[in-house]
Protein backbone atom coordinates (compact mmCIF):
# COMPACT_ATOMS: atom_id res chain seq x y z
CA MET A 1 -11.56 45.75 -29.91
CA ARG A 2 -14.35 46.56 -26.95
CA ILE A 3 -13.90 43.56 -25.18
CA ASP A 4 -10.42 44.29 -24.88
CA VAL A 5 -10.54 47.33 -23.64
CA LEU A 6 -13.56 46.46 -21.28
CA ASN A 7 -11.06 44.16 -20.03
CA ASN A 8 -8.59 47.01 -19.65
CA ARG A 9 -10.82 49.40 -17.60
CA LEU A 10 -11.60 46.36 -15.32
CA ARG A 11 -7.98 45.08 -14.65
CA PRO A 12 -7.36 48.17 -11.73
CA LEU A 13 -10.73 46.62 -10.07
CA MET A 14 -9.38 43.33 -10.29
CA GLN A 15 -6.13 43.41 -9.08
CA TRP A 16 -7.62 45.63 -6.27
CA LEU A 17 -10.12 42.94 -5.43
CA SER A 18 -7.12 40.34 -5.69
CA LEU A 19 -5.30 42.01 -2.85
CA PHE A 20 -8.37 40.37 -0.47
CA SER A 21 -7.68 36.99 -2.31
CA ALA A 22 -5.03 34.64 -1.43
CA ASP A 23 -2.95 33.35 -4.36
CA MET A 24 -3.41 29.99 -5.48
CA GLY A 25 -1.13 26.75 -7.24
CA ILE A 26 -3.39 24.22 -8.23
CA ASP A 27 -2.90 21.11 -9.50
CA LEU A 28 -6.05 20.05 -11.98
CA GLY A 29 -6.06 16.46 -12.54
CA THR A 30 -8.01 13.94 -14.39
CA ALA A 31 -8.55 11.93 -11.34
CA ASN A 32 -7.78 14.83 -8.38
CA THR A 33 -7.72 18.65 -8.22
CA LEU A 34 -5.08 19.74 -5.32
CA VAL A 35 -5.23 23.28 -4.19
CA HIS A 36 -2.39 25.72 -2.80
CA VAL A 37 -3.32 28.84 -1.04
CA ARG A 38 -0.42 31.11 0.03
CA GLY A 39 -0.18 31.40 3.95
CA ARG A 40 -2.33 27.93 4.31
CA GLY A 41 -0.70 25.52 2.44
CA ILE A 42 -2.64 22.77 0.71
CA VAL A 43 -5.86 23.38 1.50
CA LEU A 44 -8.02 20.82 -0.46
CA ARG A 45 -7.48 17.71 -2.16
CA GLU A 46 -10.97 16.37 -3.89
CA PRO A 47 -12.17 14.48 -6.83
CA SER A 48 -12.47 15.88 -10.38
CA VAL A 49 -15.51 15.07 -10.28
CA VAL A 50 -19.11 16.57 -11.26
CA ALA A 51 -23.06 15.60 -10.49
CA ILE A 52 -25.23 17.20 -13.20
CA ASP A 53 -28.96 16.54 -13.25
CA ASN A 54 -29.15 16.06 -16.97
CA ALA A 55 -32.35 17.72 -16.94
CA THR A 56 -31.63 21.04 -15.76
CA GLY A 57 -28.15 21.27 -16.73
CA GLN A 58 -27.61 21.90 -12.62
CA VAL A 59 -24.69 21.51 -10.54
CA LEU A 60 -25.60 18.82 -8.01
CA ALA A 61 -22.11 18.16 -6.29
CA VAL A 62 -18.61 18.10 -7.21
CA GLY A 63 -15.74 16.71 -5.72
CA ASN A 64 -15.87 14.06 -2.86
CA ASP A 65 -19.62 14.28 -2.86
CA ALA A 66 -19.65 13.65 -6.72
CA LYS A 67 -17.72 10.85 -6.54
CA ARG A 68 -19.41 9.35 -4.05
CA MET A 69 -22.32 9.22 -6.90
CA VAL A 70 -19.85 7.48 -9.43
CA GLY A 71 -22.19 4.28 -10.28
CA ARG A 72 -25.03 4.64 -8.08
CA THR A 73 -26.95 7.78 -9.65
CA PRO A 74 -30.35 7.11 -11.17
CA ALA A 75 -30.56 8.20 -15.12
CA ARG A 76 -31.69 11.67 -14.54
CA ILE A 77 -28.02 12.42 -12.85
CA ASN A 78 -24.36 11.77 -14.47
CA ALA A 79 -21.31 12.32 -12.29
CA ILE A 80 -18.74 13.63 -14.83
CA ARG A 81 -15.04 13.98 -14.97
CA PRO A 82 -14.67 17.17 -17.07
CA LEU A 83 -11.02 16.50 -17.64
CA LYS A 84 -9.48 13.77 -20.08
CA ASN A 85 -5.97 12.78 -20.16
CA GLY A 86 -5.17 15.91 -18.38
CA VAL A 87 -6.46 18.42 -20.19
CA ILE A 88 -10.17 19.93 -20.65
CA ALA A 89 -12.92 17.96 -22.14
CA ASP A 90 -16.15 19.67 -21.24
CA PHE A 91 -15.05 23.38 -20.37
CA ASP A 92 -18.14 24.36 -18.60
CA ILE A 93 -18.20 21.36 -15.91
CA THR A 94 -14.32 22.49 -15.69
CA GLU A 95 -15.00 26.33 -15.22
CA ALA A 96 -18.22 24.89 -12.01
CA MET A 97 -15.53 22.60 -10.78
CA LEU A 98 -12.73 25.72 -10.70
CA ARG A 99 -15.60 27.87 -9.59
CA HIS A 100 -16.73 25.77 -6.40
CA PHE A 101 -13.16 24.93 -5.57
CA ILE A 102 -11.82 28.38 -5.34
CA ARG A 103 -15.14 29.54 -3.38
CA VAL A 104 -14.80 26.75 -0.99
CA VAL A 105 -11.22 27.62 0.00
CA HIS A 106 -11.97 31.46 -0.11
CA GLN A 107 -15.23 30.23 2.29
CA ARG A 108 -17.36 31.14 -0.63
CA GLN A 109 -16.98 35.20 -0.62
CA TRP A 110 -18.52 36.15 -4.11
CA TRP A 111 -15.60 39.31 -4.71
CA VAL A 112 -12.66 36.68 -4.91
CA HIS A 113 -10.14 36.90 -7.39
CA PRO A 114 -6.75 35.53 -7.19
CA ARG A 115 -3.80 34.85 -8.91
CA ILE A 116 -3.98 31.44 -9.84
CA VAL A 117 -0.59 29.28 -10.90
CA VAL A 118 -1.86 26.04 -12.81
CA GLY A 119 -0.18 22.85 -13.65
CA VAL A 120 -0.96 21.77 -17.58
CA PRO A 121 0.40 18.55 -19.50
CA ALA A 122 3.60 19.38 -21.06
CA GLY A 123 2.60 18.42 -24.70
CA VAL A 124 -0.91 20.27 -24.52
CA THR A 125 -1.63 22.23 -27.66
CA ASP A 126 -2.34 26.48 -27.72
CA VAL A 127 -6.00 25.79 -27.73
CA GLU A 128 -6.12 23.51 -24.75
CA LYS A 129 -4.01 25.90 -22.84
CA ARG A 130 -6.29 28.72 -23.90
CA ALA A 131 -8.83 26.27 -22.53
CA VAL A 132 -7.52 26.06 -18.94
CA GLU A 133 -6.69 29.84 -18.91
CA ASP A 134 -10.33 31.18 -19.83
CA ALA A 135 -11.92 28.46 -17.50
CA ALA A 136 -9.99 29.78 -14.57
CA ARG A 137 -10.97 33.54 -15.47
CA GLN A 138 -14.45 32.80 -16.03
CA ALA A 139 -14.04 30.86 -12.51
CA GLY A 140 -12.82 34.54 -10.68
CA ALA A 141 -9.00 34.43 -11.26
CA TRP A 142 -7.71 37.72 -12.26
CA HIS A 143 -4.55 36.32 -13.38
CA ILE A 144 -3.15 32.64 -15.09
CA GLU A 145 0.10 31.19 -14.84
CA LEU A 146 0.30 28.22 -16.66
CA ILE A 147 3.43 25.83 -15.71
CA ASP A 148 4.36 22.01 -17.35
CA GLU A 149 3.52 19.89 -14.91
CA PRO A 150 7.12 17.85 -15.15
CA MET A 151 8.43 20.78 -13.99
CA ALA A 152 5.87 22.12 -11.37
CA ALA A 153 6.29 17.93 -10.21
CA ALA A 154 10.38 18.38 -10.19
CA ILE A 155 10.28 21.93 -8.29
CA GLY A 156 7.88 19.69 -5.96
CA ALA A 157 9.99 17.15 -5.41
CA GLY A 158 12.53 19.02 -4.29
CA LEU A 159 15.07 18.60 -7.18
CA ALA A 160 17.53 21.09 -8.35
CA VAL A 161 15.94 21.82 -11.67
CA SER A 162 17.89 25.46 -12.04
CA GLU A 163 21.54 23.65 -11.83
CA PRO A 164 23.10 22.58 -14.52
CA VAL A 165 23.01 19.05 -13.65
CA GLY A 166 20.10 16.67 -15.39
CA ASN A 167 17.37 15.23 -13.15
CA MET A 168 14.69 12.84 -14.37
CA ILE A 169 11.03 12.65 -13.04
CA VAL A 170 8.41 10.16 -14.38
CA ASP A 171 5.13 11.87 -13.05
CA ILE A 172 2.07 9.05 -13.06
CA GLY A 173 -1.15 10.97 -13.09
CA GLY A 174 -4.47 10.00 -13.60
CA GLY A 175 -4.75 10.00 -17.27
CA THR A 176 -1.69 11.28 -18.57
CA THR A 177 2.15 9.83 -17.66
CA GLU A 178 5.13 13.00 -18.10
CA VAL A 179 8.69 11.74 -18.42
CA ALA A 180 11.24 14.48 -18.68
CA VAL A 181 14.90 15.12 -18.03
CA ILE A 182 15.31 18.69 -16.62
CA SER A 183 17.90 20.99 -16.66
CA LEU A 184 19.07 24.99 -16.02
CA GLY A 185 15.25 25.39 -15.43
CA GLY A 186 14.50 23.93 -18.64
CA ILE A 187 12.42 20.63 -20.25
CA CYS A 188 15.18 19.24 -22.12
CA THR A 189 14.03 16.04 -23.25
CA GLN A 190 10.33 15.00 -22.53
CA ARG A 191 7.41 12.36 -23.48
CA SER A 192 4.00 11.77 -22.47
CA ILE A 193 1.09 8.88 -23.22
CA ARG A 194 -2.09 8.83 -22.44
CA ILE A 195 -1.85 5.69 -20.43
CA ALA A 196 -1.90 6.37 -16.36
CA SER A 197 -3.84 5.47 -13.02
CA GLU A 198 -7.16 5.17 -15.11
CA GLU A 199 -5.84 2.99 -17.34
CA ILE A 200 -4.42 0.55 -14.89
CA ASP A 201 -7.91 0.25 -13.15
CA GLU A 202 -9.64 -0.16 -16.47
CA ALA A 203 -6.83 -3.05 -16.89
CA ILE A 204 -8.20 -5.07 -13.90
CA ALA A 205 -11.82 -4.28 -14.68
CA VAL A 206 -11.17 -5.74 -17.40
CA HIS A 207 -9.34 -8.54 -16.50
CA ILE A 208 -12.27 -9.64 -13.37
CA ARG A 209 -14.79 -8.81 -16.23
CA ARG A 210 -13.33 -11.03 -18.78
CA ASP A 211 -11.57 -13.73 -17.10
CA LEU A 212 -13.58 -14.24 -14.04
CA ASN A 213 -17.07 -13.28 -15.64
CA LEU A 214 -17.50 -10.77 -12.78
CA TYR A 215 -18.91 -6.97 -13.58
CA ILE A 216 -16.93 -4.12 -11.20
CA GLY A 217 -16.97 -0.94 -10.95
CA GLU A 218 -14.78 2.01 -11.38
CA SER A 219 -14.22 2.49 -7.88
CA THR A 220 -13.87 -1.47 -6.79
CA ALA A 221 -11.11 -1.90 -9.40
CA GLU A 222 -9.17 1.36 -7.76
CA GLU A 223 -9.70 -0.10 -4.42
CA ILE A 224 -8.19 -3.34 -5.86
CA LYS A 225 -4.81 -1.76 -6.97
CA ILE A 226 -4.77 0.42 -3.88
CA ARG A 227 -4.66 -2.58 -1.44
CA ILE A 228 -2.95 -5.71 -3.33
CA GLY A 229 -1.64 -3.99 -7.11
CA SER A 230 1.90 -4.21 -7.00
CA ALA A 231 4.30 -4.14 -9.99
CA TYR A 232 6.74 -6.34 -9.03
CA PRO A 233 7.04 -9.72 -7.48
CA ARG A 234 6.54 -9.13 -3.75
CA PRO A 235 7.40 -12.05 -0.78
CA ASP A 236 4.03 -12.39 0.20
CA GLU A 237 1.21 -12.23 -2.03
CA ASP A 238 -1.98 -10.88 -0.89
CA VAL A 239 -5.46 -11.90 -1.44
CA MET A 240 -8.70 -9.83 -1.24
CA GLU A 241 -12.48 -10.67 -1.71
CA VAL A 242 -14.06 -8.69 -4.25
CA ARG A 243 -17.64 -7.70 -4.57
CA GLY A 244 -19.30 -7.71 -8.15
CA LYS A 245 -22.61 -8.49 -10.88
CA ASP A 246 -21.90 -12.08 -12.01
CA LEU A 247 -22.19 -12.23 -15.73
CA LEU A 248 -23.74 -15.07 -16.36
CA THR A 249 -26.76 -14.94 -13.94
CA GLY A 250 -26.83 -11.19 -12.92
CA LEU A 251 -26.80 -11.98 -9.53
CA PRO A 252 -24.70 -10.64 -6.91
CA LYS A 253 -21.10 -12.50 -6.22
CA SER A 254 -17.88 -12.32 -4.36
CA ILE A 255 -14.44 -13.84 -5.47
CA GLN A 256 -10.95 -14.14 -4.34
CA LEU A 257 -8.57 -12.03 -5.92
CA SER A 258 -4.72 -12.38 -5.46
CA SER A 259 -1.99 -9.75 -5.83
CA GLY A 260 -0.13 -11.97 -8.49
CA GLU A 261 -3.32 -11.60 -10.65
CA VAL A 262 -3.43 -8.58 -10.11
CA ARG A 263 0.24 -7.95 -11.57
CA GLU A 264 -0.17 -9.87 -14.34
CA ALA A 265 -3.88 -8.13 -15.37
CA ILE A 266 -2.08 -4.53 -15.13
CA GLY A 267 1.10 -6.52 -17.00
CA GLU A 268 0.33 -4.09 -20.60
CA PRO A 269 -0.13 -0.79 -19.06
CA LEU A 270 2.96 -1.25 -16.91
CA ALA A 271 5.65 -2.29 -20.01
CA ALA A 272 4.11 0.97 -21.97
CA LEU A 273 5.24 3.56 -18.88
CA VAL A 274 9.08 1.45 -18.43
CA GLU A 275 9.08 1.83 -22.32
CA ILE A 276 8.28 5.37 -22.06
CA VAL A 277 10.96 6.35 -19.96
CA LYS A 278 13.51 3.67 -21.72
CA GLU A 279 12.60 5.85 -24.65
CA THR A 280 13.19 9.54 -22.91
CA LEU A 281 16.63 8.11 -21.83
CA ASP A 282 17.42 6.69 -25.32
CA THR A 283 16.81 10.50 -27.01
CA THR A 284 18.34 12.04 -24.02
CA PRO A 285 21.85 14.01 -24.51
CA PRO A 286 25.18 11.70 -22.76
CA GLU A 287 26.18 14.17 -20.50
CA LEU A 288 22.75 14.47 -19.36
CA ALA A 289 22.01 10.59 -19.16
CA ALA A 290 24.91 10.80 -17.30
CA ASP A 291 23.44 13.19 -14.58
CA VAL A 292 20.36 10.83 -14.27
CA MET A 293 22.34 7.27 -13.87
CA SER A 294 24.08 9.02 -10.98
CA ARG A 295 21.25 11.06 -9.34
CA GLY A 296 18.58 8.44 -10.47
CA ILE A 297 15.01 8.67 -11.54
CA VAL A 298 12.48 10.49 -9.28
CA LEU A 299 8.66 9.20 -9.35
CA ALA A 300 5.72 11.70 -8.63
CA GLY A 301 2.22 11.69 -9.04
CA GLY A 302 -0.41 9.01 -7.55
CA GLY A 303 0.52 6.45 -9.86
CA ALA A 304 3.41 6.68 -8.11
CA LEU A 305 2.33 5.03 -5.04
CA LEU A 306 1.33 1.54 -7.01
CA ARG A 307 4.31 -0.73 -4.70
CA GLY A 308 7.06 -2.14 -6.74
CA LEU A 309 6.79 0.56 -9.53
CA ASP A 310 10.33 2.04 -8.49
CA GLN A 311 11.68 -1.30 -8.28
CA LEU A 312 10.38 -2.52 -11.68
CA ILE A 313 11.38 0.34 -13.62
CA SER A 314 14.77 -0.04 -11.86
CA ALA A 315 14.86 -3.43 -12.84
CA GLU A 316 14.14 -2.78 -16.09
CA THR A 317 16.82 0.49 -17.20
CA ASP A 318 19.49 -0.36 -14.20
CA ILE A 319 18.95 3.23 -12.73
CA PRO A 320 18.44 3.89 -9.31
CA VAL A 321 14.74 5.01 -9.10
CA TYR A 322 13.31 6.66 -6.11
CA LEU A 323 9.53 7.68 -4.94
CA ALA A 324 9.09 11.41 -3.90
CA GLU A 325 8.65 12.15 -0.37
CA ASP A 326 4.75 13.13 -1.15
CA PRO A 327 4.10 11.90 -4.83
CA LEU A 328 0.62 13.22 -4.44
CA THR A 329 1.33 16.88 -3.62
CA CYS A 330 4.47 17.32 -6.10
CA VAL A 331 3.06 19.21 -9.01
CA VAL A 332 0.59 21.44 -6.64
CA MET A 333 3.97 22.09 -4.50
CA GLY A 334 5.16 23.25 -7.06
CA THR A 335 2.48 25.76 -8.29
CA ALA A 336 2.93 27.61 -4.88
CA ARG A 337 6.82 27.42 -5.71
CA TYR A 338 6.71 29.18 -9.17
CA LEU A 339 4.05 31.63 -7.77
CA GLU A 340 7.27 32.84 -5.32
CA GLU A 341 9.59 32.76 -7.59
CA LEU A 342 6.78 35.19 -9.69
CA ASP A 343 6.71 37.30 -7.40
CA GLY A 344 10.99 37.48 -6.99
CA PHE A 345 11.21 38.24 -10.29
CA SER A 346 8.29 40.93 -9.97
CA SER A 347 9.74 42.34 -7.16
CA SER A 348 13.60 42.66 -9.07
CA ASP A 349 11.95 44.29 -11.55
């Protein structure tokens, strides 16, 4: 009770301070965090990574600086991804990361207390939602709104989510893929699977380790996916030199890897993504399913950038598939537009 009274007394002060803090939309992703600030656009795109000194617990680096340390740190330093499958796995580290990003975009002003809209996976529990809210509040936000990521992605992709027609969005993030059919401003059918970009990277690393006896790190696996990865056969196959550690000798070694080999390596996670799309379509009411067939499926999220993924899903479902104009920014742009809508509702009250 005393905490509630204290919060109520502090609320006017927080609201007053918020007048000097531009409102923010945040895509708090497993792999990357994007921040949109009202009036300035997207001001931050950094990996969701924090480097910690194990002995003291001190935060040494956040974002790009921390990601460069992945796989290259001494034993006393640990590069941590505080979110797993789209939800908070380490509360304290997430709060430190959010605080850092908020201070960076507001020029490290200590008194900044913005209003924040955060995208969260549609299937998260109330406990997981509270963890996001608490982390944002501890990081300095005075008011927090949560929006389901599929809805935010659909809004950011420019879909007509408020109209009485079915729109299907497939949001492929770092740790979670979410598929939803949206109509009249609500999610009608939704499926989520904890297979996304990170699992594709892992499949590449496992294939190279198991079949080619070469050990590579997660950064190299991601680079392979970006440079020569594809979900659908291409007219010209690419080849890439891959360097790592020979598992037999322990010495550095390089191999030639083709895009065909990579496509074979990632076949299992891609099949799971296609299956979750089919399952969502199967549970969609017939009228909305007919809308999806005529309007097509829209892909968003960083994982949607995998070459040929739209072709693969289209071939498996017989439905047109389109890539959002900027898949990486759909969720954060959706949070920003949702914030504008909240202002519209407030002004009409």
